[in-house]
Protein backbone atom coordinates (compact mmCIF):
# COMPACT_ATOMS: atom_id res chain seq x y z
CA MET A 1 -80.53 -16.81 33.28
CA ILE A 2 -83.20 -17.15 30.60
CA ALA A 3 -81.86 -16.74 27.05
CA LEU A 4 -84.17 -14.63 24.95
CA GLU A 5 -84.36 -15.44 21.26
CA GLY A 6 -86.65 -14.30 18.47
CA ASP A 7 -87.01 -11.54 15.95
CA PHE A 8 -88.68 -9.07 18.31
CA ALA A 9 -88.40 -6.13 15.90
CA TYR A 10 -90.24 -8.24 13.31
CA SER A 11 -92.99 -8.98 15.84
CA PHE A 12 -93.38 -5.25 16.49
CA ILE A 13 -93.53 -4.30 12.79
CA LEU A 14 -96.10 -7.06 12.17
CA GLY A 15 -98.26 -5.46 14.83
CA VAL A 16 -97.92 -2.07 13.12
CA LEU A 17 -98.87 -3.64 9.79
CA ALA A 18 -101.87 -5.36 11.41
CA ALA A 19 -103.52 -1.94 11.68
CA VAL A 20 -103.18 -1.38 7.92
CA ASN A 21 -103.79 -4.89 6.58
CA PRO A 22 -105.79 -5.21 3.32
CA CYS A 23 -108.96 -6.56 4.97
CA GLY A 24 -109.47 -3.76 7.49
CA PHE A 25 -107.34 -0.94 6.07
CA ILE A 26 -110.35 1.20 5.14
CA LEU A 27 -111.53 1.23 8.77
CA LEU A 28 -108.49 3.17 10.02
CA PRO A 29 -109.10 6.48 8.19
CA THR A 30 -112.83 6.14 8.84
CA TYR A 31 -112.17 5.73 12.57
CA LEU A 32 -109.87 8.78 12.59
CA LEU A 33 -112.39 10.90 10.68
CA TYR A 34 -115.19 9.83 13.02
CA TYR A 35 -113.06 10.56 16.08
CA LEU A 36 -112.20 14.01 14.77
CA GLY A 37 -115.88 14.69 14.11
CA THR A 38 -116.77 13.90 17.72
CA GLU A 39 -113.98 16.17 18.97
CA LEU A 40 -115.08 19.17 16.90
CA HIS A 41 -118.25 19.39 19.02
CA ARG A 42 -116.26 19.85 22.24
CA GLU A 43 -115.20 23.50 22.30
CA LYS A 44 -114.94 24.37 26.01
CA GLU A 45 -112.19 22.01 27.05
CA SER A 46 -108.57 22.33 28.06
CA PRO A 47 -105.86 20.78 25.88
CA ALA A 48 -105.11 18.28 28.66
CA THR A 49 -108.72 17.04 28.69
CA THR A 50 -108.78 16.56 24.93
CA VAL A 51 -105.41 14.81 24.86
CA ARG A 52 -106.36 12.62 27.83
CA ARG A 53 -109.48 11.48 25.99
CA GLY A 54 -107.43 10.88 22.85
CA LEU A 55 -105.19 8.53 24.82
CA THR A 56 -108.24 6.81 26.30
CA VAL A 57 -109.87 6.30 22.90
CA GLY A 58 -106.67 5.09 21.25
CA VAL A 59 -105.95 2.61 24.03
CA ALA A 60 -109.57 1.37 24.00
CA VAL A 61 -109.57 0.68 20.25
CA SER A 62 -106.17 -0.99 20.45
CA SER A 63 -107.26 -3.13 23.41
CA GLY A 64 -110.31 -4.41 21.55
CA PHE A 65 -108.29 -5.21 18.43
CA VAL A 66 -105.33 -6.87 20.13
CA GLY A 67 -107.47 -8.58 22.77
CA LEU A 68 -109.60 -10.39 20.23
CA PHE A 69 -106.60 -11.49 18.18
CA ILE A 70 -104.70 -12.79 21.20
CA VAL A 71 -107.70 -14.72 22.54
CA VAL A 72 -108.55 -16.18 19.13
CA GLY A 73 -104.91 -16.97 18.43
CA ILE A 74 -104.34 -18.76 21.74
CA ILE A 75 -107.45 -20.94 21.55
CA SER A 76 -107.40 -21.64 17.83
CA ARG A 77 -103.95 -22.76 16.73
CA ALA A 78 -105.54 -25.98 15.48
CA PHE A 79 -108.45 -24.16 13.84
CA THR A 80 -106.76 -21.22 12.14
CA THR A 81 -108.03 -22.10 8.66
CA VAL A 82 -111.60 -22.59 9.86
CA ILE A 83 -111.64 -19.24 11.65
CA ARG A 84 -110.01 -17.40 8.75
CA ASP A 85 -112.44 -18.88 6.22
CA ASN A 86 -115.55 -18.18 8.28
CA ALA A 87 -114.61 -14.73 9.57
CA LYS A 88 -115.57 -13.32 6.16
CA TYR A 89 -119.24 -13.91 6.92
CA ALA A 90 -119.00 -11.93 10.16
CA ALA A 91 -117.08 -9.21 8.30
CA LEU A 92 -119.83 -9.07 5.66
CA VAL A 93 -122.41 -8.50 8.40
CA ILE A 94 -120.20 -5.73 9.84
CA GLY A 95 -120.08 -4.04 6.44
CA ILE A 96 -123.87 -4.08 6.15
CA ALA A 97 -124.20 -2.81 9.74
CA LEU A 98 -121.85 0.09 8.99
CA VAL A 99 -123.98 1.08 5.99
CA ALA A 100 -127.07 1.14 8.23
CA MET A 101 -125.18 3.07 10.93
CA GLY A 102 -123.93 5.65 8.42
CA ILE A 103 -127.41 6.19 7.03
CA ALA A 104 -128.76 6.67 10.56
CA MET A 105 -125.96 9.17 11.31
CA PHE A 106 -126.77 11.06 8.11
CA ARG A 107 -130.39 11.31 9.26
CA GLY A 108 -129.33 12.80 12.62
CA TRP A 109 -128.62 9.86 14.90
CA LYS A 110 -125.49 10.26 17.04
CA PRO A 111 -123.62 7.28 18.51
CA PRO A 112 -123.19 7.41 22.31
CA ILE A 113 -119.53 8.50 22.14
CA SER A 114 -120.48 11.72 20.34
CA GLN A 115 -122.94 12.88 22.96
CA PRO A 116 -121.98 15.73 25.35
CA ASN A 117 -120.23 14.80 28.56
CA VAL A 118 -122.53 13.49 31.25
CA ALA A 119 -122.14 11.04 34.10
CA MET A 120 -120.86 7.68 32.79
CA GLN A 121 -119.71 9.25 29.50
CA LYS A 122 -116.13 8.15 30.13
CA GLN A 123 -117.27 4.56 30.66
CA ARG A 124 -119.41 4.63 27.50
CA THR A 125 -116.54 6.08 25.48
CA TRP A 126 -114.19 3.30 26.55
CA ARG A 127 -116.77 0.57 25.99
CA ASN A 128 -117.84 1.77 22.56
CA MET A 129 -114.32 2.28 21.27
CA PHE A 130 -113.26 -1.09 22.71
CA LEU A 131 -116.13 -2.65 20.76
CA PHE A 132 -115.00 -0.75 17.66
CA GLY A 133 -111.57 -2.34 18.12
CA ILE A 134 -113.24 -5.77 18.15
CA VAL A 135 -115.16 -4.88 14.98
CA TYR A 136 -111.88 -3.73 13.43
CA ALA A 137 -110.29 -7.08 14.36
CA VAL A 138 -113.16 -9.15 12.94
CA ALA A 139 -113.01 -7.24 9.65
CA SER A 140 -109.24 -7.79 9.56
CA ILE A 141 -108.97 -11.34 10.81
CA GLY A 142 -108.98 -12.99 7.38
CA CYS A 143 -105.68 -11.28 6.53
CA THR A 144 -104.03 -11.34 9.93
CA ILE A 145 -104.84 -14.45 11.95
CA GLY A 146 -102.47 -16.67 9.96
CA LEU A 147 -99.46 -14.45 10.66
CA LEU A 148 -100.46 -14.00 14.30
CA VAL A 149 -100.62 -17.75 14.91
CA SER A 150 -97.74 -18.98 12.76
CA VAL A 151 -95.20 -16.20 13.34
CA ILE A 152 -96.06 -14.62 16.70
CA LEU A 153 -97.65 -17.39 18.74
CA GLY A 154 -95.45 -19.93 16.96
CA SER A 155 -92.42 -18.32 18.59
CA VAL A 156 -93.55 -19.89 21.87
CA GLY A 157 -92.76 -23.29 20.40
CA ARG A 158 -89.57 -22.19 18.64
CA HIS A 159 -87.92 -20.04 21.31
CA GLY A 160 -89.69 -20.83 24.55
CA PHE A 161 -92.53 -19.40 26.59
CA VAL A 162 -90.84 -16.16 27.73
CA SER A 163 -89.65 -15.21 24.24
CA GLY A 164 -93.08 -16.07 22.86
CA VAL A 165 -94.84 -13.84 25.38
CA ILE A 166 -92.48 -10.96 24.54
CA SER A 167 -93.21 -11.44 20.82
CA ILE A 168 -96.96 -11.38 21.45
CA ALA A 169 -96.62 -8.27 23.63
CA LEU A 170 -94.56 -6.48 20.97
CA TYR A 171 -97.11 -7.40 18.30
CA GLY A 172 -99.86 -5.81 20.37
CA LEU A 173 -97.64 -2.85 21.21
CA GLY A 174 -96.95 -2.19 17.52
CA MET A 175 -100.62 -2.03 16.59
CA GLY A 176 -101.56 -0.15 19.74
CA LEU A 177 -98.86 2.51 19.42
CA LEU A 178 -99.78 3.25 15.81
CA VAL A 179 -103.49 3.71 16.50
CA THR A 180 -102.96 5.55 19.80
CA SER A 181 -100.33 7.94 18.41
CA LEU A 182 -102.53 8.78 15.41
CA THR A 183 -105.46 9.45 17.75
CA VAL A 184 -103.34 11.63 20.03
CA ALA A 185 -101.97 13.54 17.02
CA LEU A 186 -105.54 14.32 16.00
CA ALA A 187 -106.30 15.39 19.58
CA PHE A 188 -103.47 17.94 19.34
CA ALA A 189 -104.61 19.06 15.88
CA ARG A 190 -108.20 19.38 17.03
CA PHE A 191 -107.77 22.95 18.32
CA GLY A 192 -106.78 24.30 14.91
CA PHE A 193 -109.66 22.42 13.31
CA VAL A 194 -112.15 23.87 15.78
CA SER A 195 -111.15 27.45 15.04
CA ASN A 196 -111.29 26.92 11.29
CA LEU A 197 -114.42 24.77 11.10
CA LYS A 198 -116.58 26.35 13.80
CA ASN A 199 -119.40 27.08 11.34
CA SER A 200 -119.05 23.78 9.49
CA PHE A 201 -119.96 21.26 12.21
CA PRO A 202 -123.22 20.13 10.54
CA ILE A 203 -121.39 19.59 7.25
CA PHE A 204 -118.63 17.65 9.01
CA ASP A 205 -121.27 15.41 10.62
CA LYS A 206 -122.61 14.61 7.15
CA VAL A 207 -119.11 13.94 5.84
CA SER A 208 -118.48 11.52 8.72
CA ALA A 209 -121.76 9.76 8.03
CA ILE A 210 -120.95 9.42 4.33
CA ALA A 211 -117.50 8.04 5.21
CA VAL A 212 -119.10 5.37 7.42
CA VAL A 213 -121.55 4.45 4.63
CA LEU A 214 -118.75 4.20 2.05
CA THR A 215 -116.66 2.11 4.43
CA GLY A 216 -119.59 -0.23 4.97
CA LEU A 217 -120.20 -0.50 1.23
CA TYR A 218 -116.54 -1.23 0.59
CA LEU A 219 -116.33 -3.91 3.31
CA THR A 220 -119.57 -5.46 2.09
CA TRP A 221 -118.30 -5.56 -1.50
CA TYR A 222 -114.84 -6.79 -0.43
CA TRP A 223 -116.11 -9.67 1.66
CA PHE A 224 -118.94 -10.55 -0.73
CA GLY A 225 -116.22 -10.95 -3.35
CA ALA A 226 -114.21 -13.15 -0.96
CA ILE A 227 -117.26 -15.33 -0.27
CA THR A 228 -118.13 -15.69 -3.98
CA ASN A 229 -114.45 -15.98 -5.03
CA ARG A 230 -114.78 -12.94 -7.28
CA ALA A 231 -111.53 -11.42 -8.52
CA SER A 232 -110.56 -7.93 -7.31
CA ASP A 233 -112.18 -5.13 -9.31
CA GLY A 234 -111.10 -1.55 -9.91
CA VAL A 235 -112.34 -0.17 -6.58
CA ILE A 236 -110.80 -2.90 -4.43
CA GLY A 237 -107.64 -2.82 -6.52
CA ARG A 238 -107.15 0.93 -5.98
CA VAL A 239 -107.68 0.64 -2.21
CA GLU A 240 -105.28 -2.31 -2.05
CA ARG A 241 -102.63 -0.33 -3.94
CA VAL A 242 -102.89 2.49 -1.39
CA GLN A 243 -102.74 -0.05 1.43
CA THR A 244 -99.65 -1.64 -0.10
CA ASP A 245 -97.93 1.75 -0.40
CA VAL A 246 -98.65 2.51 3.27
CA ALA A 247 -97.44 -0.94 4.37
CA VAL A 248 -94.23 -0.64 2.32
CA PHE A 249 -93.56 2.82 3.78
CA LEU A 250 -93.97 1.50 7.33
CA GLN A 251 -91.72 -1.49 6.63
CA ASN A 252 -89.04 0.67 5.06
CA THR A 253 -89.16 3.09 7.99
CA GLY A 254 -88.32 0.24 10.35
CA ALA A 255 -89.44 -0.90 13.76
CA TYR A 256 -87.01 1.21 15.79
CA VAL A 257 -87.75 4.51 14.06
CA LEU A 258 -91.51 3.89 14.26
CA ALA A 259 -91.27 3.01 17.94
CA VAL A 260 -89.37 6.24 18.68
CA VAL A 261 -91.90 8.36 16.76
CA PHE A 262 -94.93 6.72 18.37
CA LEU A 263 -93.47 6.93 21.87
CA ALA A 264 -92.49 10.58 21.35
CA VAL A 265 -96.08 11.49 20.43
CA ILE A 266 -97.54 9.63 23.40
CA ALA A 267 -94.88 10.95 25.80
CA THR A 268 -95.71 14.50 24.72
CA ALA A 269 -99.37 13.82 25.45
CA ILE A 270 -98.54 12.50 28.92
CA ILE A 271 -96.42 15.58 29.66
CA VAL A 272 -99.30 17.88 28.61
CA ILE A 273 -101.71 15.99 30.85
CA ARG A 274 -99.40 15.94 33.88
CA ARG A 275 -98.59 19.64 33.63
CA SER A 276 -102.23 20.68 33.46
CA PRO A 277 -103.81 21.74 36.78
CA GLN A 278 -107.21 20.63 35.49
CA ARG A 279 -108.46 17.11 36.10
CA GLU A 280 -111.71 17.06 34.20
CA ILE A 281 -112.33 14.37 31.61
């Protein structure tokens, strides 16, 4: 019998914290706001359809994020410092790209995921949100790759291959359950938002665009400071304090309680989907 060793709860909580790390923390609320904005335009849908898409989007974003980190971590144990130090340049480009994207959205451009349902829309939704997960990972990699390699992938060497694989899986599960459960919660809340904001869709589009621009500006400023070795200023300091409060709350809540909450949200979504007679997407 294979003896399993390792702090698996710690691996899971590290995955949860990966979604709210200092480098990419600002992307999480922006993603949720953007997702909600796309949902407000879909009025004639059953709850099961909305919740099913929420699950799809959450899993797609999580897959992109975790997939990139696992691939980079596996192939780069000897190059962790090089990757961490150079990822800031890619993250700077992402910040600038988000500013341009937000400006385009403010002027009326709509990303493919926000278009009405047509043939291939499901495939485009998955692809675009998977790519967003990769962008999220690149923006976050400077803060996260060291822990992923030394603590999670390092468990392969300390406790054996099987225990190491379980640790890696739990790391990905922690991040994925947080993002997916938040997305599903918004999918449930979407119906109340639609009834209350029916006449405010154009304004909400502008708010989403402004949020993307501000996120891009923040990431650009954050990573420009990292490249030039500038000390944290008031804006970055305030965001980091909020991020720290969120991270401390999640740590204090504990891996087991978080897992139960996340799984309860997702299980409820699955029950809603399975009980619905409708199969549209």
